[in-house]
């Protein structure tokens, strides 16, 4: 199964071939190969075509098997990922599942954009066909697209805030007989998560 996923539709070395063709033809090939990914991933929706092409040229195809750890909590991030096909789970250190992501979702951008440690573990629930983007490649691209960089930083801040709030709820649920507490009743918690998000925005 792993090799079927790894080499599904791949009968050539894409990198070597793309280096041999003209830039125009290379763009057409990349667009055709990744058109389903672009259509499915909100990250690319309504963005500058040149930005999308720049990203597509840097993507690397990776396959993960069920239960594989794609990202480990507490480590420094060097890649972000786009899900072409498959399902992953977002886990906190005690193994609690905070969220499930599937086709078209992306993850790992918080650590990549901010140089903070990974805020959660990402584990493959099914066979996953992913595209990865290296941190340095993303930074090189975003130098030319400051508005998109600002947008991504804002999204990363919002995700960190949501993740922090969910983690607080999970950790405190036993204090409320497993009833989910209303975080609006705890202004210190809300302020702390807002500060974390604001810190990310300042890194722009």
Foldseek 3Di string as FASTA:
>chain_A
DQVCLVCVVPPDDLVVVLVVDDPVVSLVVLCVVCVLLCVQAPLNPPDDPVLVSLQSVQKDKDKDAAFDWPAAFFAADFKKKAFQAAKKFWAAPVGDTPDMDGHRYIDDVLRLLQVGTHHTIIGGRHITIMIMGTSVSVVVSCVVPVVSSLVSLLVSLVVQLVSQLSVVQVVCCVVVVNDRDDCVVPVVSNVVSNVSSVVSNVSD
